[in-house]
Protein backbone atom coordinates (compact mmCIF):
# COMPACT_ATOMS: atom_id res chain seq x y z
CA MET A 1 -13.60 -3.96 22.84
CA THR A 2 -10.12 -3.93 24.33
CA VAL A 3 -9.74 -1.52 27.27
CA VAL A 4 -6.30 -0.10 27.99
CA ASP A 5 -5.07 2.45 30.53
CA LEU A 6 -2.13 4.22 28.90
CA PRO A 7 -0.81 7.80 28.66
CA VAL A 8 -1.72 7.74 24.95
CA LEU A 9 -5.13 6.20 24.34
CA PRO A 10 -6.77 4.85 21.18
CA PRO A 11 -7.79 5.88 18.68
CA VAL A 12 -4.74 7.71 17.35
CA LYS A 13 -4.29 8.81 13.76
CA PRO A 14 -0.69 8.07 12.73
CA MET A 15 1.75 10.78 11.69
CA LEU A 16 2.06 10.88 7.90
CA ALA A 17 4.58 11.75 5.20
CA LYS A 18 4.46 13.99 2.16
CA LEU A 19 6.00 13.02 -1.14
CA SER A 20 9.51 14.10 -2.10
CA ARG A 21 10.71 13.51 -5.66
CA ASP A 22 14.34 13.18 -4.58
CA LEU A 23 16.05 11.72 -1.55
CA PRO A 24 16.47 14.66 0.85
CA VAL A 25 19.96 15.24 2.23
CA ALA A 26 20.35 17.41 5.32
CA ASP A 27 21.88 17.32 8.77
CA GLY A 28 19.65 15.69 11.35
CA LEU A 29 17.68 13.44 9.00
CA VAL A 30 17.04 9.79 9.81
CA TYR A 31 16.13 7.38 7.00
CA GLU A 32 14.07 4.19 7.17
CA PRO A 33 12.72 1.74 4.57
CA LYS A 34 9.11 2.49 3.65
CA TRP A 35 7.16 -0.68 4.41
CA ASP A 36 4.26 -1.63 2.15
CA GLY A 37 1.66 -3.01 4.54
CA PHE A 38 -1.12 -1.93 6.90
CA ARG A 39 -0.17 0.97 9.16
CA CYS A 40 -0.86 -0.05 12.73
CA ILE A 41 -0.48 1.55 16.15
CA VAL A 42 -0.19 -1.08 18.89
CA PHE A 43 -1.54 -0.28 22.35
CA ARG A 44 -0.32 -2.76 24.95
CA ASP A 45 -1.39 -2.66 28.59
CA GLY A 46 -0.36 -5.94 30.20
CA ASP A 47 -2.49 -8.70 28.72
CA GLU A 48 -4.59 -6.23 26.74
CA VAL A 49 -3.47 -5.44 23.19
CA GLU A 50 -5.29 -3.28 20.67
CA LEU A 51 -4.22 -2.96 17.04
CA GLY A 52 -5.35 0.41 15.69
CA SER A 53 -5.50 1.00 11.94
CA ARG A 54 -4.81 4.16 10.00
CA ASN A 55 -8.53 4.91 9.92
CA GLU A 56 -8.71 4.34 13.70
CA LYS A 57 -10.54 1.01 13.50
CA PRO A 58 -9.25 -2.05 15.42
CA LEU A 59 -7.44 -4.75 13.47
CA ASN A 60 -7.36 -7.44 16.18
CA ARG A 61 -9.87 -9.75 14.52
CA TYR A 62 -7.93 -9.78 11.25
CA PHE A 63 -4.48 -10.56 12.69
CA PRO A 64 -5.08 -12.74 15.77
CA GLU A 65 -1.70 -14.46 15.42
CA LEU A 66 0.11 -11.22 16.24
CA LEU A 67 -1.41 -10.68 19.68
CA GLU A 68 0.60 -13.31 21.55
CA SER A 69 3.83 -12.30 19.80
CA LEU A 70 3.30 -8.64 20.67
CA GLN A 71 2.68 -9.53 24.30
CA ALA A 72 5.91 -11.54 24.33
CA ASN A 73 8.10 -8.94 22.60
CA LEU A 74 6.82 -5.49 23.57
CA PRO A 75 7.23 -3.71 26.93
CA ASP A 76 4.40 -4.39 29.37
CA ARG A 77 2.86 -0.94 28.85
CA CYS A 78 3.56 0.91 25.62
CA VAL A 79 2.19 2.44 22.43
CA VAL A 80 4.16 1.56 19.28
CA ASP A 81 3.68 2.80 15.72
CA GLY A 82 4.55 0.41 12.92
CA GLU A 83 3.39 -1.65 9.97
CA ILE A 84 1.74 -5.06 9.65
CA VAL A 85 3.29 -6.96 6.74
CA ILE A 86 3.19 -10.46 5.31
CA GLY A 87 6.29 -11.91 3.69
CA GLY A 88 6.08 -14.34 0.78
CA PRO A 89 8.53 -16.02 -1.60
CA GLY A 90 8.82 -12.81 -3.66
CA GLY A 91 8.99 -10.38 -0.75
CA LEU A 92 6.16 -8.51 0.92
CA ASP A 93 2.74 -9.73 -0.21
CA PHE A 94 0.11 -6.98 -0.01
CA ASP A 95 -2.56 -9.20 -1.57
CA ALA A 96 -2.19 -11.58 1.38
CA LEU A 97 -2.92 -8.66 3.69
CA LEU A 98 -6.03 -7.71 1.71
CA ASN A 99 -7.29 -11.28 1.97
CA ARG A 100 -7.40 -10.90 5.76
CA ILE A 101 -10.16 -8.31 5.56
CA HIS A 102 -12.81 -10.99 5.61
CA PRO A 103 -16.02 -11.26 7.66
CA ALA A 104 -15.60 -14.99 8.45
CA ALA A 105 -13.47 -15.68 11.52
CA SER A 106 -12.78 -19.20 10.26
CA ARG A 107 -11.32 -17.82 7.03
CA VAL A 108 -9.13 -15.35 8.95
CA ALA A 109 -7.91 -18.14 11.26
CA MET A 110 -6.99 -20.33 8.29
CA LEU A 111 -5.06 -17.51 6.63
CA ALA A 112 -3.35 -16.58 9.92
CA GLU A 113 -1.87 -20.06 9.99
CA ALA A 114 -1.09 -20.28 6.26
CA THR A 115 0.32 -16.76 5.81
CA PRO A 116 1.23 -15.38 9.25
CA ALA A 117 1.82 -11.66 9.57
CA SER A 118 4.74 -9.74 11.06
CA PHE A 119 4.88 -6.38 12.80
CA VAL A 120 7.64 -3.88 12.01
CA ALA A 121 8.03 -1.17 14.66
CA PHE A 122 9.34 2.30 13.80
CA ASP A 123 8.19 4.72 16.51
CA LEU A 124 7.37 4.77 20.22
CA LEU A 125 4.53 7.01 21.41
CA ALA A 126 4.33 5.93 25.05
CA LEU A 127 6.32 3.80 27.50
CA GLY A 128 5.07 2.97 30.96
CA ASP A 129 3.38 6.11 32.27
CA ASP A 130 5.30 8.45 29.94
CA ASP A 131 3.73 10.14 26.91
CA LEU A 132 6.64 10.44 24.45
CA THR A 133 4.86 12.20 21.59
CA SER A 134 6.30 15.63 22.42
CA ARG A 135 9.89 14.34 22.63
CA ALA A 136 12.36 14.37 19.76
CA PHE A 137 12.35 11.40 17.40
CA SER A 138 16.01 10.67 18.23
CA GLU A 139 14.99 10.09 21.85
CA ARG A 140 11.94 8.02 20.90
CA ARG A 141 14.09 5.94 18.55
CA ALA A 142 16.70 5.26 21.23
CA LEU A 143 14.00 4.14 23.66
CA LEU A 144 12.41 1.95 20.97
CA VAL A 145 15.74 0.27 20.19
CA GLU A 146 16.23 -0.43 23.89
CA ALA A 147 12.66 -1.67 24.32
CA LEU A 148 12.96 -4.13 21.42
CA ALA A 149 16.53 -5.25 22.10
CA GLY A 150 15.37 -8.78 22.89
CA ALA A 151 12.52 -8.94 20.40
CA ASP A 152 12.21 -11.91 18.08
CA GLY A 153 10.19 -12.50 14.91
CA PRO A 154 7.48 -11.88 13.94
CA VAL A 155 8.09 -8.58 15.77
CA HIS A 156 10.87 -6.53 14.18
CA LEU A 157 12.56 -3.17 14.61
CA THR A 158 12.83 -1.27 11.33
CA PRO A 159 16.35 -0.45 10.15
CA ALA A 160 17.37 3.21 10.40
CA THR A 161 20.37 5.21 9.27
CA SER A 162 21.58 8.80 9.18
CA ASP A 163 23.74 8.09 6.12
CA PRO A 164 22.03 9.17 2.85
CA LYS A 165 24.26 6.78 0.88
CA VAL A 166 22.90 3.84 2.84
CA ALA A 167 19.36 5.16 2.35
CA ALA A 168 19.96 5.43 -1.41
CA ASP A 169 21.21 1.83 -1.42
CA TRP A 170 18.08 0.69 0.39
CA PHE A 171 15.93 2.60 -2.08
CA ALA A 172 17.59 0.81 -5.02
CA ARG A 173 17.91 -2.70 -3.58
CA PHE A 174 14.98 -3.29 -1.28
CA GLU A 175 12.23 -2.63 -3.82
CA GLY A 176 12.60 -6.20 -4.95
CA ALA A 177 11.52 -7.30 -1.50
CA GLY A 178 8.29 -5.35 -1.90
CA LEU A 179 9.30 -2.21 -0.02
CA ASP A 180 7.77 1.04 -1.15
CA GLY A 181 10.71 3.45 -0.96
CA VAL A 182 12.40 5.39 1.84
CA ILE A 183 11.08 7.56 4.68
CA ALA A 184 13.06 10.55 5.96
CA LYS A 185 12.28 12.21 9.28
CA GLY A 186 13.99 14.87 11.35
CA SER A 187 15.79 13.65 14.45
CA ASP A 188 14.17 16.51 16.43
CA LEU A 189 10.66 15.75 15.14
CA ALA A 190 7.84 15.40 17.67
CA TYR A 191 5.06 12.88 16.97
CA VAL A 192 2.07 14.83 15.63
CA PRO A 193 -0.90 12.63 14.67
CA ASP A 194 -2.46 13.07 11.21
CA LYS A 195 0.14 15.64 10.08
CA ARG A 196 2.45 15.15 7.07
CA LEU A 197 5.71 16.07 8.76
CA MET A 198 7.88 13.28 7.37
CA LEU A 199 9.08 12.82 3.79
CA LYS A 200 8.63 9.76 1.59
CA VAL A 201 10.59 8.99 -1.55
CA LYS A 202 8.90 6.48 -3.83
CA HIS A 203 9.79 4.81 -7.11
CA GLU A 204 8.29 6.46 -10.18
CA ARG A 205 8.06 4.98 -13.66
CA THR A 206 5.82 5.25 -16.71
CA ALA A 207 4.08 2.66 -18.87
CA ASP A 208 1.88 2.73 -21.96
CA CYS A 209 -1.47 1.04 -21.27
CA VAL A 210 -4.65 0.25 -23.13
CA VAL A 211 -7.57 2.34 -21.83
CA ALA A 212 -10.28 -0.29 -22.06
CA GLY A 213 -12.99 1.44 -20.04
CA PHE A 214 -13.80 4.02 -17.41
CA ARG A 215 -15.93 4.66 -14.36
CA TRP A 216 -18.06 7.72 -13.84
CA HIS A 217 -17.11 9.91 -10.91
CA LYS A 218 -19.26 9.31 -7.83
CA ASP A 219 -20.82 12.77 -8.16
CA GLY A 220 -21.78 12.05 -11.76
CA GLY A 221 -19.62 14.87 -13.07
CA GLY A 222 -17.32 13.30 -15.61
CA VAL A 223 -14.79 10.47 -15.54
CA GLY A 224 -13.68 9.28 -12.13
CA SER A 225 -11.12 6.71 -13.26
CA LEU A 226 -9.71 5.12 -16.41
CA LEU A 227 -9.42 1.33 -16.51
CA LEU A 228 -6.00 0.20 -17.74
CA GLY A 229 -4.99 -3.00 -19.47
CA LEU A 230 -1.80 -4.79 -20.54
CA TYR A 231 -1.37 -7.80 -22.81
CA ASP A 232 0.44 -10.93 -21.68
CA ASP A 233 2.49 -13.20 -23.95
CA ALA A 234 -0.64 -15.14 -24.92
CA GLY A 235 -2.42 -11.99 -26.11
CA THR A 236 -4.83 -11.77 -23.16
CA LEU A 237 -5.67 -8.25 -22.02
CA HIS A 238 -5.51 -8.03 -18.22
CA HIS A 239 -6.93 -5.27 -16.05
CA VAL A 240 -3.84 -3.91 -14.27
CA GLY A 241 -5.14 -0.85 -12.44
CA VAL A 242 -6.70 2.57 -12.79
CA ALA A 243 -5.69 6.17 -13.40
CA THR A 244 -7.46 8.53 -11.00
CA SER A 245 -7.28 11.84 -9.09
CA PHE A 246 -8.52 14.15 -11.83
CA SER A 247 -9.58 17.73 -11.18
CA VAL A 248 -13.23 18.67 -11.71
CA ALA A 249 -12.38 20.34 -15.01
CA ARG A 250 -10.26 17.39 -16.18
CA ARG A 251 -13.03 14.89 -15.37
CA THR A 252 -15.33 16.77 -17.73
CA GLU A 253 -12.67 16.97 -20.44
CA LEU A 254 -11.99 13.24 -20.18
CA ALA A 255 -15.67 12.44 -20.62
CA ALA A 256 -15.59 14.29 -23.94
CA GLU A 257 -12.29 12.70 -24.99
CA VAL A 258 -13.46 9.10 -24.45
CA GLU A 259 -17.00 9.62 -25.80
CA PRO A 260 -16.09 8.74 -29.44
CA TYR A 261 -14.83 5.33 -28.27
CA ARG A 262 -18.00 4.28 -26.43
CA ALA A 263 -20.10 3.37 -29.48
CA GLU A 264 -20.44 -0.41 -29.91
CA ALA A 265 -17.61 -0.88 -27.41
CA LEU A 266 -18.95 -3.98 -25.67
CA ALA A 267 -19.25 -6.13 -28.79
CA GLY A 268 -16.15 -8.27 -28.88
CA HIS A 269 -14.63 -6.46 -25.92
CA PRO A 270 -11.99 -8.64 -24.20
CA TRP A 271 -13.61 -7.88 -20.83
CA GLN A 272 -17.16 -8.59 -21.94
CA GLY A 273 -17.36 -11.44 -19.48
CA TRP A 274 -16.19 -9.52 -16.42
CA ALA A 275 -19.48 -10.16 -14.65
CA GLU A 276 -18.81 -13.88 -15.06
CA ALA A 277 -15.35 -13.34 -13.63
CA GLU A 278 -16.95 -11.79 -10.55
CA MET A 279 -18.66 -15.13 -10.06
CA GLY A 280 -15.54 -17.16 -10.85
CA GLY A 281 -15.50 -17.22 -14.64
CA ALA A 282 -12.95 -16.02 -17.23
CA GLU A 283 -10.21 -18.22 -15.84
CA GLY A 284 -6.70 -16.79 -15.89
CA GLN A 285 -7.66 -13.22 -16.78
CA ARG A 286 -7.58 -10.27 -14.38
CA GLN A 287 -10.82 -8.32 -14.83
CA PRO A 288 -12.36 -5.06 -13.59
CA GLY A 289 -15.42 -4.93 -11.38
CA GLY A 290 -16.26 -7.08 -8.39
CA PRO A 291 -17.21 -6.02 -4.88
CA SER A 292 -14.97 -3.66 -2.94
CA ARG A 293 -13.28 -5.30 0.05
CA TRP A 294 -13.40 -1.99 1.92
CA ASN A 295 -16.87 -0.75 1.01
CA ALA A 296 -19.49 -3.29 -0.04
CA LYS A 297 -21.80 -0.49 -1.23
CA LYS A 298 -19.23 1.11 -3.51
CA ASP A 299 -20.30 1.13 -7.15
CA LEU A 300 -17.62 -0.55 -9.25
CA SER A 301 -19.66 -0.70 -12.47
CA TRP A 302 -17.78 0.48 -15.54
CA GLU A 303 -18.28 1.65 -19.09
CA PRO A 304 -16.40 -0.18 -21.86
CA LEU A 305 -14.35 1.60 -24.53
CA ARG A 306 -13.28 0.22 -27.87
CA ILE A 307 -9.73 -1.12 -27.70
CA GLU A 308 -8.17 1.80 -29.54
CA LEU A 309 -6.97 4.24 -26.87
CA VAL A 310 -3.44 4.17 -25.39
CA ALA A 311 -2.31 6.31 -22.47
CA GLU A 312 1.03 6.82 -20.78
CA VAL A 313 0.63 6.59 -17.01
CA GLY A 314 2.99 7.13 -14.11
CA TYR A 315 3.25 4.37 -11.51
CA ASP A 316 5.44 3.56 -8.53
CA ASN A 317 5.66 -0.22 -8.30
CA LEU A 318 4.01 -3.53 -9.10
CA GLN A 319 2.16 -6.03 -6.94
CA GLY A 320 2.33 -9.26 -8.87
CA ASP A 321 0.84 -8.51 -12.30
CA ARG A 322 -0.88 -5.21 -11.52
CA PHE A 323 -0.03 -1.71 -10.36
CA ARG A 324 0.20 -1.56 -6.58
CA HIS A 325 -1.39 1.92 -6.36
CA ALA A 326 -3.57 4.04 -8.60
CA THR A 327 -1.60 5.56 -11.47
CA LYS A 328 -1.43 9.11 -12.81
CA LEU A 329 -2.41 9.94 -16.38
CA VAL A 330 0.59 11.55 -18.10
CA ARG A 331 -0.68 11.91 -21.67
CA TRP A 332 -2.52 10.17 -24.48
CA ARG A 333 -0.36 8.18 -26.90
CA PRO A 334 -2.08 8.27 -30.32
CA ASP A 335 1.21 7.10 -31.83
CA ARG A 336 1.01 3.74 -30.04
CA GLU A 337 -1.00 0.69 -31.04
CA PRO A 338 -2.91 -1.09 -28.24
CA ALA A 339 -1.21 -4.37 -29.13
CA SER A 340 2.14 -2.84 -28.17
CA CYS A 341 0.99 -2.36 -24.55
CA THR A 342 2.49 -5.47 -23.02
CA TYR A 343 4.02 -6.50 -19.71
CA ASP A 344 7.44 -6.58 -21.37
CA GLN A 345 7.80 -2.80 -21.03
CA LEU A 346 7.54 -2.88 -17.24
CA GLU A 347 10.63 -2.71 -15.08
CA ARG A 348 10.57 -5.55 -12.59
CA PRO A 349 13.02 -5.15 -9.71
CA VAL A 350 15.27 -8.07 -8.83
CA PRO A 351 13.88 -9.66 -5.65
CA GLU A 352 15.89 -9.21 -2.47
CA VAL A 353 15.78 -11.74 0.32
CA LEU A 354 13.28 -10.38 2.83
CA ALA A 355 15.47 -11.58 5.71
CA GLU A 356 18.15 -9.16 4.50
CA VAL A 357 15.70 -6.30 4.84
CA PHE A 358 14.69 -7.33 8.34
CA GLY A 359 18.34 -7.71 9.22
CA ALA A 360 19.54 -4.55 7.48
């Protein structure tokens, strides 16, 4: 366990943001790109560096390649809030981050060399012996810019602007690099851990998907999530994500609504072999099920439905060929045929060069 002696000590829960449907425009707002990675608070005390995750657990063992770079680029004693990201040919690669959460140190070391991570800094909680959390963000930002003036990759300072037109341009252009939207924060904002005092603006779209199965809610009271599928050009139905976050009443309603489609659903189901896929079968087809990377005891078993149901869901962005986050059920689409639920309907942003984002 890393031991540091700083005015702000681990663990610290990061300050959070609440969702805004539109880009807020007001005096005193500062805008930043919303990075799609692992939130991380870095505690550096000389040679000691601790990487704290959003859930307050250390990340050092999963990103060993960052430790030396952080020592070389950060002030000798500081606490910095930011995001761990991995850049790939198509922009930020969240799957590459997920692959790091692995119990084998040898596997992590191999991936650290093959797909090295970067750290993007966007707030400064402590510097030297000074606790900065009660100071205005404008002051913390100025100190962060000064502290990272000589920093070099893979440690980066996030771009920031007070111009809403620039922020709107980032929102439109940088999605192709894998960014998640735009963050807006007040220039007079103190740093308050675990409070949603910032605003985030994210991309929102809808798509019609096949509802090919569901999972029971963990408390047994109705449907916990709907399993969504899309067809590729070859006619293969891929598992692309889930629709979740139903109220208690809605979970019960959904159980009744999908019940007529459960009879004889497994026979001829395109995901009948998902258990084989968990062991490496069903080549080339994304399937549901499989162990959870975050919770090995989590039950990911599912109930098949006949391929007859279509639902319109709201989503923010894509990660490769699946939805990056859980989607929201908008409505059933009895007027749509399952075969019409293809990848062609999805809006795919034009990729931006990631270097342009870092250098924005």
